[in-house]
Amino acid sequence: MKVLSQEEERAHYNVVLKGGAIGGTLGLVGGLAGTMFASRRYPAFRALTLPFRTFLVTSTATFGAIVNADRESIKFAHSKDPMYGYQDASQQRARVAW
């Protein structure tokens, strides 16, 4: 995405940061829930070391942050692109006929 002005760059940064925080939080909650469930349900999981279980939790949080930040960045770019989703008349007719 080409950022044209300082304001757009700041807006993009804020959107990506917010998306990353939301994704990271959801990933952390999911990782904690999965680890707690697996610890109660599976004896083999309980045998794993604490650092490895911690790694599993933090890696899901990191994954969630990265994926959600990227999705928000793409959404922001599409919202600023006037040609995104453009269809000429023939494409519109083909879509309706479909």
PDB file of N, CA and C in Angstrom:
ATOM      1  N   MET A   1       0.843  -1.167   0.000  1.00  0.00           N
ATOM      2  CA  MET A   1       0.000   0.000   0.000  1.00  0.00           C
ATOM      3  C   MET A   1       0.889   1.232   0.000  1.00  0.00           C
ATOM      4  N   LYS A   2       0.528   2.179  -0.843  1.00  0.00           N
ATOM      5  CA  LYS A   2       1.274   3.430  -0.888  1.00  0.00           C
ATOM      6  C   LYS A   2       0.574   4.441   0.011  1.00  0.00           C
ATOM      7  N   VAL A   3       1.289   4.920   0.995  1.00  0.00           N
ATOM      8  CA  VAL A   3       0.739   5.909   1.917  1.00  0.00           C
ATOM      9  C   VAL A   3       1.139   7.276   1.391  1.00  0.00           C
ATOM     10  N   LEU A   4       0.141   8.129   1.169  1.00  0.00           N
ATOM     11  CA  LEU A   4       0.411   9.397   0.513  1.00  0.00           C
ATOM     12  C   LEU A   4       0.749  10.526   1.468  1.00  0.00           C
ATOM     13  N   SER A   5       0.169  10.540   2.612  1.00  0.00           N
ATOM     14  CA  SER A   5       0.392  11.671   3.512  1.00  0.00           C
ATOM     15  C   SER A   5       0.722  11.170   4.917  1.00  0.00           C
ATOM     16  N   GLN A   6       1.181  12.102   5.722  1.00  0.00           N
ATOM     17  CA  GLN A   6       1.516  11.787   7.112  1.00  0.00           C
ATOM     18  C   GLN A   6       0.262  11.368   7.887  1.00  0.00           C
ATOM     19  N   GLU A   7      -0.869  11.998   7.579  1.00  0.00           N
ATOM     20  CA  GLU A   7      -2.123  11.652   8.265  1.00  0.00           C
ATOM     21  C   GLU A   7      -2.560  10.233   7.914  1.00  0.00           C
ATOM     22  N   GLU A   8      -2.438   9.866   6.630  1.00  0.00           N
ATOM     23  CA  GLU A   8      -2.809   8.509   6.229  1.00  0.00           C
ATOM     24  C   GLU A   8      -1.871   7.477   6.852  1.00  0.00           C
ATOM     25  N   GLU A   9      -0.605   7.824   6.931  1.00  0.00           N
ATOM     26  CA  GLU A   9       0.349   6.909   7.556  1.00  0.00           C
ATOM     27  C   GLU A   9       0.016   6.701   9.028  1.00  0.00           C
ATOM     28  N   ARG A  10      -0.336   7.776   9.705  1.00  0.00           N
ATOM     29  CA  ARG A  10      -0.703   7.685  11.122  1.00  0.00           C
ATOM     30  C   ARG A  10      -1.994   6.881  11.290  1.00  0.00           C
ATOM     31  N   ALA A  11      -2.972   7.126  10.401  1.00  0.00           N
ATOM     32  CA  ALA A  11      -4.233   6.385  10.477  1.00  0.00           C
ATOM     33  C   ALA A  11      -3.996   4.897  10.222  1.00  0.00           C
ATOM     34  N   HIS A  12      -3.157   4.577   9.239  1.00  0.00           N
ATOM     35  CA  HIS A  12      -2.842   3.182   8.937  1.00  0.00           C
ATOM     36  C   HIS A  12      -2.152   2.521  10.125  1.00  0.00           C
ATOM     37  N   TYR A  13      -1.210   3.216  10.716  1.00  0.00           N
ATOM     38  CA  TYR A  13      -0.491   2.689  11.877  1.00  0.00           C
ATOM     39  C   TYR A  13      -1.455   2.400  13.022  1.00  0.00           C
ATOM     40  N   ASN A  14      -2.370   3.330  13.281  1.00  0.00           N
ATOM     41  CA  ASN A  14      -3.328   3.145  14.376  1.00  0.00           C
ATOM     42  C   ASN A  14      -4.254   1.963  14.117  1.00  0.00           C
ATOM     43  N   VAL A  15      -4.701   1.819  12.870  1.00  0.00           N
ATOM     44  CA  VAL A  15      -5.591   0.706  12.528  1.00  0.00           C
ATOM     45  C   VAL A  15      -4.860  -0.625  12.692  1.00  0.00           C
ATOM     46  N   VAL A  16      -3.626  -0.689  12.216  1.00  0.00           N
ATOM     47  CA  VAL A  16      -2.851  -1.931  12.314  1.00  0.00           C
ATOM     48  C   VAL A  16      -2.531  -2.252  13.773  1.00  0.00           C
ATOM     49  N   LEU A  17      -2.179  -1.238  14.544  1.00  0.00           N
ATOM     50  CA  LEU A  17      -1.873  -1.453  15.957  1.00  0.00           C
ATOM     51  C   LEU A  17      -3.102  -1.952  16.721  1.00  0.00           C
ATOM     52  N   LYS A  18      -4.250  -1.349  16.445  1.00  0.00           N
ATOM     53  CA  LYS A  18      -5.488  -1.776  17.106  1.00  0.00           C
ATOM     54  C   LYS A  18      -5.849  -3.210  16.698  1.00  0.00           C
ATOM     55  N   GLY A  19      -5.737  -3.511  15.407  1.00  0.00           N
ATOM     56  CA  GLY A  19      -6.022  -4.866  14.940  1.00  0.00           C
ATOM     57  C   GLY A  19      -5.085  -5.892  15.540  1.00  0.00           C
ATOM     58  N   GLY A  20      -3.808  -5.536  15.650  1.00  0.00           N
ATOM     59  CA  GLY A  20      -2.844  -6.446  16.263  1.00  0.00           C
ATOM     60  C   GLY A  20      -3.128  -6.680  17.733  1.00  0.00           C
ATOM     61  N   ALA A  21      -3.536  -5.622  18.428  1.00  0.00           N
ATOM     62  CA  ALA A  21      -3.857  -5.769  19.855  1.00  0.00           C
ATOM     63  C   ALA A  21      -5.079  -6.658  20.050  1.00  0.00           C
ATOM     64  N   ILE A  22      -6.078  -6.472  19.213  1.00  0.00           N
ATOM     65  CA  ILE A  22      -7.288  -7.297  19.315  1.00  0.00           C
ATOM     66  C   ILE A  22      -6.958  -8.753  18.988  1.00  0.00           C
ATOM     67  N   GLY A  23      -6.241  -8.974  17.896  1.00  0.00           N
ATOM     68  CA  GLY A  23      -5.867 -10.337  17.520  1.00  0.00           C
ATOM     69  C   GLY A  23      -4.974 -11.000  18.546  1.00  0.00           C
ATOM     70  N   GLY A  24      -4.046 -10.237  19.109  1.00  0.00           N
ATOM     71  CA  GLY A  24      -3.166 -10.785  20.137  1.00  0.00           C
ATOM     72  C   GLY A  24      -3.918 -11.163  21.394  1.00  0.00           C
ATOM     73  N   THR A  25      -4.869 -10.325  21.767  1.00  0.00           N
ATOM     74  CA  THR A  25      -5.673 -10.618  22.954  1.00  0.00           C
ATOM     75  C   THR A  25      -6.522 -11.867  22.744  1.00  0.00           C
ATOM     76  N   LEU A  26      -7.163 -11.950  21.577  1.00  0.00           N
ATOM     77  CA  LEU A  26      -7.974 -13.138  21.289  1.00  0.00           C
ATOM     78  C   LEU A  26      -7.103 -14.391  21.204  1.00  0.00           C
ATOM     79  N   GLY A  27      -5.923 -14.265  20.608  1.00  0.00           N
ATOM     80  CA  GLY A  27      -5.001 -15.399  20.543  1.00  0.00           C
ATOM     81  C   GLY A  27      -4.526 -15.827  21.917  1.00  0.00           C
ATOM     82  N   LEU A  28      -4.268 -14.852  22.784  1.00  0.00           N
ATOM     83  CA  LEU A  28      -3.840 -15.166  24.148  1.00  0.00           C
ATOM     84  C   LEU A  28      -4.944 -15.890  24.908  1.00  0.00           C
ATOM     85  N   VAL A  29      -6.163 -15.406  24.778  1.00  0.00           N
ATOM     86  CA  VAL A  29      -7.295 -16.059  25.449  1.00  0.00           C
ATOM     87  C   VAL A  29      -7.482 -17.473  24.904  1.00  0.00           C
ATOM     88  N   GLY A  30      -7.409 -17.610  23.580  1.00  0.00           N
ATOM     89  CA  GLY A  30      -7.541 -18.939  22.981  1.00  0.00           C
ATOM     90  C   GLY A  30      -6.428 -19.881  23.394  1.00  0.00           C
ATOM     91  N   GLY A  31      -5.212 -19.372  23.433  1.00  0.00           N
ATOM     92  CA  GLY A  31      -4.077 -20.196  23.850  1.00  0.00           C
ATOM     93  C   GLY A  31      -4.175 -20.621  25.299  1.00  0.00           C
ATOM     94  N   LEU A  32      -4.581 -19.679  26.157  1.00  0.00           N
ATOM     95  CA  LEU A  32      -4.756 -20.026  27.572  1.00  0.00           C
ATOM     96  C   LEU A  32      -5.862 -21.052  27.757  1.00  0.00           C
ATOM     97  N   ALA A  33      -6.982 -20.843  27.066  1.00  0.00           N
ATOM     98  CA  ALA A  33      -8.098 -21.783  27.190  1.00  0.00           C
ATOM     99  C   ALA A  33      -7.697 -23.167  26.683  1.00  0.00           C
ATOM    100  N   GLY A  34      -7.021 -23.213  25.548  1.00  0.00           N
ATOM    101  CA  GLY A  34      -6.586 -24.498  25.003  1.00  0.00           C
ATOM    102  C   GLY A  34      -5.593 -25.208  25.900  1.00  0.00           C
ATOM    103  N   THR A  35      -4.673 -24.442  26.461  1.00  0.00           N
ATOM    104  CA  THR A  35      -3.674 -25.033  27.354  1.00  0.00           C
ATOM    105  C   THR A  35      -4.314 -25.528  28.647  1.00  0.00           C
ATOM    106  N   MET A  36      -5.237 -24.749  29.186  1.00  0.00           N
ATOM    107  CA  MET A  36      -5.916 -25.181  30.412  1.00  0.00           C
ATOM    108  C   MET A  36      -6.748 -26.436  30.160  1.00  0.00           C
ATOM    109  N   PHE A  37      -7.465 -26.462  29.034  1.00  0.00           N
ATOM    110  CA  PHE A  37      -8.269 -27.632  28.707  1.00  0.00           C
ATOM    111  C   PHE A  37      -7.386 -28.866  28.519  1.00  0.00           C
ATOM    112  N   ALA A  38      -6.310 -28.696  27.750  1.00  0.00           N
ATOM    113  CA  ALA A  38      -5.423 -29.835  27.491  1.00  0.00           C
ATOM    114  C   ALA A  38      -4.734 -30.306  28.770  1.00  0.00           C
ATOM    115  N   SER A  39      -4.416 -29.382  29.663  1.00  0.00           N
ATOM    116  CA  SER A  39      -3.769 -29.771  30.922  1.00  0.00           C
ATOM    117  C   SER A  39      -4.703 -30.595  31.793  1.00  0.00           C
ATOM    118  N   ARG A  40      -5.976 -30.278  31.750  1.00  0.00           N
ATOM    119  CA  ARG A  40      -6.935 -31.031  32.566  1.00  0.00           C
ATOM    120  C   ARG A  40      -7.318 -32.355  31.924  1.00  0.00           C
ATOM    121  N   ARG A  41      -7.323 -32.397  30.605  1.00  0.00           N
ATOM    122  CA  ARG A  41      -7.845 -33.558  29.903  1.00  0.00           C
ATOM    123  C   ARG A  41      -6.790 -34.621  29.605  1.00  0.00           C
ATOM    124  N   TYR A  42      -5.583 -34.192  29.244  1.00  0.00           N
ATOM    125  CA  TYR A  42      -4.581 -35.130  28.745  1.00  0.00           C
ATOM    126  C   TYR A  42      -3.371 -35.207  29.678  1.00  0.00           C
ATOM    127  N   PRO A  43      -3.103 -36.374  30.234  1.00  0.00           N
ATOM    128  CA  PRO A  43      -1.933 -36.529  31.113  1.00  0.00           C
ATOM    129  C   PRO A  43      -0.610 -36.262  30.385  1.00  0.00           C
ATOM    130  N   ALA A  44      -0.551 -36.595  29.108  1.00  0.00           N
ATOM    131  CA  ALA A  44       0.683 -36.360  28.349  1.00  0.00           C
ATOM    132  C   ALA A  44       0.969 -34.863  28.225  1.00  0.00           C
ATOM    133  N   PHE A  45      -0.078 -34.065  28.125  1.00  0.00           N
ATOM    134  CA  PHE A  45       0.114 -32.611  28.048  1.00  0.00           C
ATOM    135  C   PHE A  45       0.601 -32.067  29.386  1.00  0.00           C
ATOM    136  N   ARG A  46       0.093 -32.632  30.463  1.00  0.00           N
ATOM    137  CA  ARG A  46       0.555 -32.206  31.794  1.00  0.00           C
ATOM    138  C   ARG A  46       2.034 -32.507  31.990  1.00  0.00           C
ATOM    139  N   ALA A  47       2.533 -33.508  31.285  1.00  0.00           N
ATOM    140  CA  ALA A  47       3.942 -33.880  31.419  1.00  0.00           C
ATOM    141  C   ALA A  47       4.877 -32.903  30.705  1.00  0.00           C
ATOM    142  N   LEU A  48       4.324 -32.049  29.855  1.00  0.00           N
ATOM    143  CA  LEU A  48       5.166 -31.066  29.162  1.00  0.00           C
ATOM    144  C   LEU A  48       5.714 -30.061  30.167  1.00  0.00           C
ATOM    145  N   THR A  49       6.859 -29.519  29.859  1.00  0.00           N
ATOM    146  CA  THR A  49       7.469 -28.543  30.768  1.00  0.00           C
ATOM    147  C   THR A  49       6.694 -27.231  30.729  1.00  0.00           C
ATOM    148  N   LEU A  50       6.795 -26.485  31.805  1.00  0.00           N
ATOM    149  CA  LEU A  50       6.126 -25.190  31.886  1.00  0.00           C
ATOM    150  C   LEU A  50       6.607 -24.224  30.796  1.00  0.00           C
ATOM    151  N   PRO A  51       7.913 -24.155  30.504  1.00  0.00           N
ATOM    152  CA  PRO A  51       8.340 -23.261  29.423  1.00  0.00           C
ATOM    153  C   PRO A  51       7.731 -23.621  28.065  1.00  0.00           C
ATOM    154  N   PHE A  52       7.564 -24.914  27.800  1.00  0.00           N
ATOM    155  CA  PHE A  52       6.973 -25.302  26.521  1.00  0.00           C
ATOM    156  C   PHE A  52       5.495 -24.939  26.467  1.00  0.00           C
ATOM    157  N   ARG A  53       4.778 -25.152  27.551  1.00  0.00           N
ATOM    158  CA  ARG A  53       3.364 -24.761  27.587  1.00  0.00           C
ATOM    159  C   ARG A  53       3.220 -23.249  27.461  1.00  0.00           C
ATOM    160  N   THR A  54       4.127 -22.517  28.085  1.00  0.00           N
ATOM    161  CA  THR A  54       4.120 -21.060  27.953  1.00  0.00           C
ATOM    162  C   THR A  54       4.378 -20.655  26.511  1.00  0.00           C
ATOM    163  N   PHE A  55       5.287 -21.347  25.854  1.00  0.00           N
ATOM    164  CA  PHE A  55       5.551 -21.089  24.441  1.00  0.00           C
ATOM    165  C   PHE A  55       4.296 -21.300  23.608  1.00  0.00           C
ATOM    166  N   LEU A  56       3.538 -22.351  23.884  1.00  0.00           N
ATOM    167  CA  LEU A  56       2.313 -22.613  23.133  1.00  0.00           C
ATOM    168  C   LEU A  56       1.311 -21.470  23.289  1.00  0.00           C
ATOM    169  N   VAL A  57       1.193 -20.944  24.500  1.00  0.00           N
ATOM    170  CA  VAL A  57       0.265 -19.835  24.744  1.00  0.00           C
ATOM    171  C   VAL A  57       0.732 -18.583  24.014  1.00  0.00           C
ATOM    172  N   THR A  58       2.002 -18.241  24.166  1.00  0.00           N
ATOM    173  CA  THR A  58       2.485 -17.003  23.552  1.00  0.00           C
ATOM    174  C   THR A  58       2.544 -17.098  22.035  1.00  0.00           C
ATOM    175  N   SER A  59       2.777 -18.278  21.503  1.00  0.00           N
ATOM    176  CA  SER A  59       2.809 -18.401  20.045  1.00  0.00           C
ATOM    177  C   SER A  59       1.420 -18.219  19.445  1.00  0.00           C
ATOM    178  N   THR A  60       0.373 -18.676  20.133  1.00  0.00           N
ATOM    179  CA  THR A  60      -0.974 -18.426  19.617  1.00  0.00           C
ATOM    180  C   THR A  60      -1.313 -16.941  19.695  1.00  0.00           C
ATOM    181  N   ALA A  61      -0.858 -16.268  20.727  1.00  0.00           N
ATOM    182  CA  ALA A  61      -1.091 -14.824  20.832  1.00  0.00           C
ATOM    183  C   ALA A  61      -0.350 -14.077  19.728  1.00  0.00           C
ATOM    184  N   THR A  62       0.883 -14.467  19.463  1.00  0.00           N
ATOM    185  CA  THR A  62       1.658 -13.826  18.403  1.00  0.00           C
ATOM    186  C   THR A  62       1.024 -14.069  17.044  1.00  0.00           C
ATOM    187  N   PHE A  63       0.602 -15.292  16.797  1.00  0.00           N
ATOM    188  CA  PHE A  63      -0.058 -15.624  15.539  1.00  0.00           C
ATOM    189  C   PHE A  63      -1.322 -14.791  15.356  1.00  0.00           C
ATOM    190  N   GLY A  64      -2.133 -14.698  16.395  1.00  0.00           N
ATOM    191  CA  GLY A  64      -3.357 -13.904  16.310  1.00  0.00           C
ATOM    192  C   GLY A  64      -3.072 -12.441  16.037  1.00  0.00           C
ATOM    193  N   ALA A  65      -2.050 -11.898  16.675  1.00  0.00           N
ATOM    194  CA  ALA A  65      -1.701 -10.490  16.468  1.00  0.00           C
ATOM    195  C   ALA A  65      -1.248 -10.244  15.039  1.00  0.00           C
ATOM    196  N   ILE A  66      -0.403 -11.105  14.514  1.00  0.00           N
ATOM    197  CA  ILE A  66       0.119 -10.915  13.159  1.00  0.00           C
ATOM    198  C   ILE A  66      -0.988 -11.036  12.123  1.00  0.00           C
ATOM    199  N   VAL A  67      -1.799 -12.064  12.230  1.00  0.00           N
ATOM    200  CA  VAL A  67      -2.847 -12.295  11.238  1.00  0.00           C
ATOM    201  C   VAL A  67      -3.876 -11.174  11.267  1.00  0.00           C
ATOM    202  N   ASN A  68      -4.319 -10.782  12.446  1.00  0.00           N
ATOM    203  CA  ASN A  68      -5.342  -9.747  12.526  1.00  0.00           C
ATOM    204  C   ASN A  68      -4.795  -8.382  12.109  1.00  0.00           C
ATOM    205  N   ALA A  69      -3.553  -8.072  12.439  1.00  0.00           N
ATOM    206  CA  ALA A  69      -2.958  -6.806  12.009  1.00  0.00           C
ATOM    207  C   ALA A  69      -2.863  -6.758  10.489  1.00  0.00           C
ATOM    208  N   ASP A  70      -2.498  -7.865   9.868  1.00  0.00           N
ATOM    209  CA  ASP A  70      -2.414  -7.912   8.410  1.00  0.00           C
ATOM    210  C   ASP A  70      -3.790  -7.756   7.775  1.00  0.00           C
ATOM    211  N   ARG A  71      -4.789  -8.401   8.330  1.00  0.00           N
ATOM    212  CA  ARG A  71      -6.150  -8.266   7.794  1.00  0.00           C
ATOM    213  C   ARG A  71      -6.649  -6.829   7.894  1.00  0.00           C
ATOM    214  N   GLU A  72      -6.370  -6.184   9.015  1.00  0.00           N
ATOM    215  CA  GLU A  72      -6.789  -4.791   9.180  1.00  0.00           C
ATOM    216  C   GLU A  72      -6.044  -3.876   8.215  1.00  0.00           C
ATOM    217  N   SER A  73      -4.779  -4.164   7.959  1.00  0.00           N
ATOM    218  CA  SER A  73      -4.009  -3.379   7.002  1.00  0.00           C
ATOM    219  C   SER A  73      -4.601  -3.500   5.603  1.00  0.00           C
ATOM    220  N   ILE A  74      -4.969  -4.706   5.214  1.00  0.00           N
ATOM    221  CA  ILE A  74      -5.571  -4.923   3.897  1.00  0.00           C
ATOM    222  C   ILE A  74      -6.922  -4.231   3.813  1.00  0.00           C
ATOM    223  N   LYS A  75      -7.726  -4.331   4.873  1.00  0.00           N
ATOM    224  CA  LYS A  75      -9.020  -3.640   4.890  1.00  0.00           C
ATOM    225  C   LYS A  75      -8.846  -2.137   4.750  1.00  0.00           C
ATOM    226  N   PHE A  76      -7.848  -1.586   5.438  1.00  0.00           N
ATOM    227  CA  PHE A  76      -7.580  -0.151   5.360  1.00  0.00           C
ATOM    228  C   PHE A  76      -7.194   0.239   3.935  1.00  0.00           C
ATOM    229  N   ALA A  77      -6.335  -0.557   3.304  1.00  0.00           N
ATOM    230  CA  ALA A  77      -5.921  -0.270   1.931  1.00  0.00           C
ATOM    231  C   ALA A  77      -7.107  -0.324   0.981  1.00  0.00           C
ATOM    232  N   HIS A  78      -7.983  -1.291   1.164  1.00  0.00           N
ATOM    233  CA  HIS A  78      -9.155  -1.398   0.302  1.00  0.00           C
ATOM    234  C   HIS A  78     -10.119  -0.238   0.518  1.00  0.00           C
ATOM    235  N   SER A  79     -10.223   0.230   1.744  1.00  0.00           N
ATOM    236  CA  SER A  79     -11.138   1.345   2.009  1.00  0.00           C
ATOM    237  C   SER A  79     -10.640   2.640   1.380  1.00  0.00           C
ATOM    238  N   LYS A  80      -9.339   2.752   1.148  1.00  0.00           N
ATOM    239  CA  LYS A  80      -8.769   3.957   0.545  1.00  0.00           C
ATOM    240  C   LYS A  80      -8.660   3.862  -0.974  1.00  0.00           C
ATOM    241  N   ASP A  81      -8.898   2.686  -1.542  1.00  0.00           N
ATOM    242  CA  ASP A  81      -8.758   2.482  -2.985  1.00  0.00           C
ATOM    243  C   ASP A  81     -10.122   2.612  -3.656  1.00  0.00           C
ATOM    244  N   PRO A  82     -10.330   3.683  -4.443  1.00  0.00           N
ATOM    245  CA  PRO A  82     -11.643   3.862  -5.070  1.00  0.00           C
ATOM    246  C   PRO A  82     -11.949   2.806  -6.133  1.00  0.00           C
ATOM    247  N   MET A  83     -10.928   2.140  -6.663  1.00  0.00           N
ATOM    248  CA  MET A  83     -11.155   1.139  -7.702  1.00  0.00           C
ATOM    249  C   MET A  83     -11.360  -0.266  -7.140  1.00  0.00           C
ATOM    250  N   TYR A  84     -11.252  -0.424  -5.831  1.00  0.00           N
ATOM    251  CA  TYR A  84     -11.425  -1.749  -5.245  1.00  0.00           C
ATOM    252  C   TYR A  84     -12.881  -2.172  -5.390  1.00  0.00           C
ATOM    253  N   GLY A  85     -13.093  -3.326  -5.961  1.00  0.00           N
ATOM    254  CA  GLY A  85     -14.440  -3.851  -6.134  1.00  0.00           C
ATOM    255  C   GLY A  85     -15.168  -3.292  -7.340  1.00  0.00           C
ATOM    256  N   TYR A  86     -14.475  -2.500  -8.163  1.00  0.00           N
ATOM    257  CA  TYR A  86     -15.116  -1.914  -9.340  1.00  0.00           C
ATOM    258  C   TYR A  86     -15.463  -3.000 -10.334  1.00  0.00           C
ATOM    259  N   GLN A  87     -16.658  -2.890 -10.895  1.00  0.00           N
ATOM    260  CA  GLN A  87     -17.086  -3.789 -11.957  1.00  0.00           C
ATOM    261  C   GLN A  87     -17.703  -2.948 -13.061  1.00  0.00           C
ATOM    262  N   ASP A  88     -17.319  -3.240 -14.304  1.00  0.00           N
ATOM    263  CA  ASP A  88     -17.973  -2.536 -15.399  1.00  0.00           C
ATOM    264  C   ASP A  88     -19.315  -3.211 -15.684  1.00  0.00           C
ATOM    265  N   ALA A  89     -20.036  -2.693 -16.650  1.00  0.00           N
ATOM    266  CA  ALA A  89     -21.398  -3.175 -16.908  1.00  0.00           C
ATOM    267  C   ALA A  89     -21.418  -4.652 -17.293  1.00  0.00           C
ATOM    268  N   SER A  90     -20.452  -5.102 -18.093  1.00  0.00           N
ATOM    269  CA  SER A  90     -20.460  -6.509 -18.516  1.00  0.00           C
ATOM    270  C   SER A  90     -20.205  -7.444 -17.328  1.00  0.00           C
ATOM    271  N   GLN A  91     -19.348  -7.040 -16.408  1.00  0.00           N
ATOM    272  CA  GLN A  91     -19.096  -7.858 -15.222  1.00  0.00           C
ATOM    273  C   GLN A  91     -20.324  -7.891 -14.319  1.00  0.00           C
ATOM    274  N   GLN A  92     -21.030  -6.772 -14.225  1.00  0.00           N
ATOM    275  CA  GLN A  92     -22.239  -6.734 -13.402  1.00  0.00           C
ATOM    276  C   GLN A  92     -23.317  -7.635 -13.986  1.00  0.00           C
ATOM    277  N   ARG A  93     -23.474  -7.612 -15.332  1.00  0.00           N
ATOM    278  CA  ARG A  93     -24.467  -8.486 -15.968  1.00  0.00           C
ATOM    279  C   ARG A  93     -24.100  -9.954 -15.770  1.00  0.00           C
ATOM    280  N   ALA A  94     -22.823 -10.273 -15.877  1.00  0.00           N
ATOM    281  CA  ALA A  94     -22.385 -11.661 -15.700  1.00  0.00           C
ATOM    282  C   ALA A  94     -22.634 -12.118 -14.270  1.00  0.00           C
ATOM    283  N   ARG A  95     -22.447 -11.220 -13.314  1.00  0.00           N
ATOM    284  CA  ARG A  95     -22.674 -11.576 -11.913  1.00  0.00           C
ATOM    285  C   ARG A  95     -24.159 -11.806 -11.646  1.00  0.00           C
ATOM    286  N   VAL A  96     -25.006 -10.977 -12.220  1.00  0.00           N
ATOM    287  CA  VAL A  96     -26.449 -11.131 -12.028  1.00  0.00           C
ATOM    288  C   VAL A  96     -26.924 -12.418 -12.697  1.00  0.00           C
ATOM    289  N   ALA A  97     -26.383 -12.740 -13.866  1.00  0.00           N
ATOM    290  CA  ALA A  97     -26.781 -13.950 -14.584  1.00  0.00           C
ATOM    291  C   ALA A  97     -26.309 -15.204 -13.866  1.00  0.00           C
ATOM    292  N   TRP A  98     -25.290 -15.095 -13.116  1.00  0.00           N
ATOM    293  CA  TRP A  98     -24.725 -16.251 -12.412  1.00  0.00           C
ATOM    294  C   TRP A  98     -25.699 -16.762 -11.423  1.00  0.00           C
TER     295      TRP A  98
END
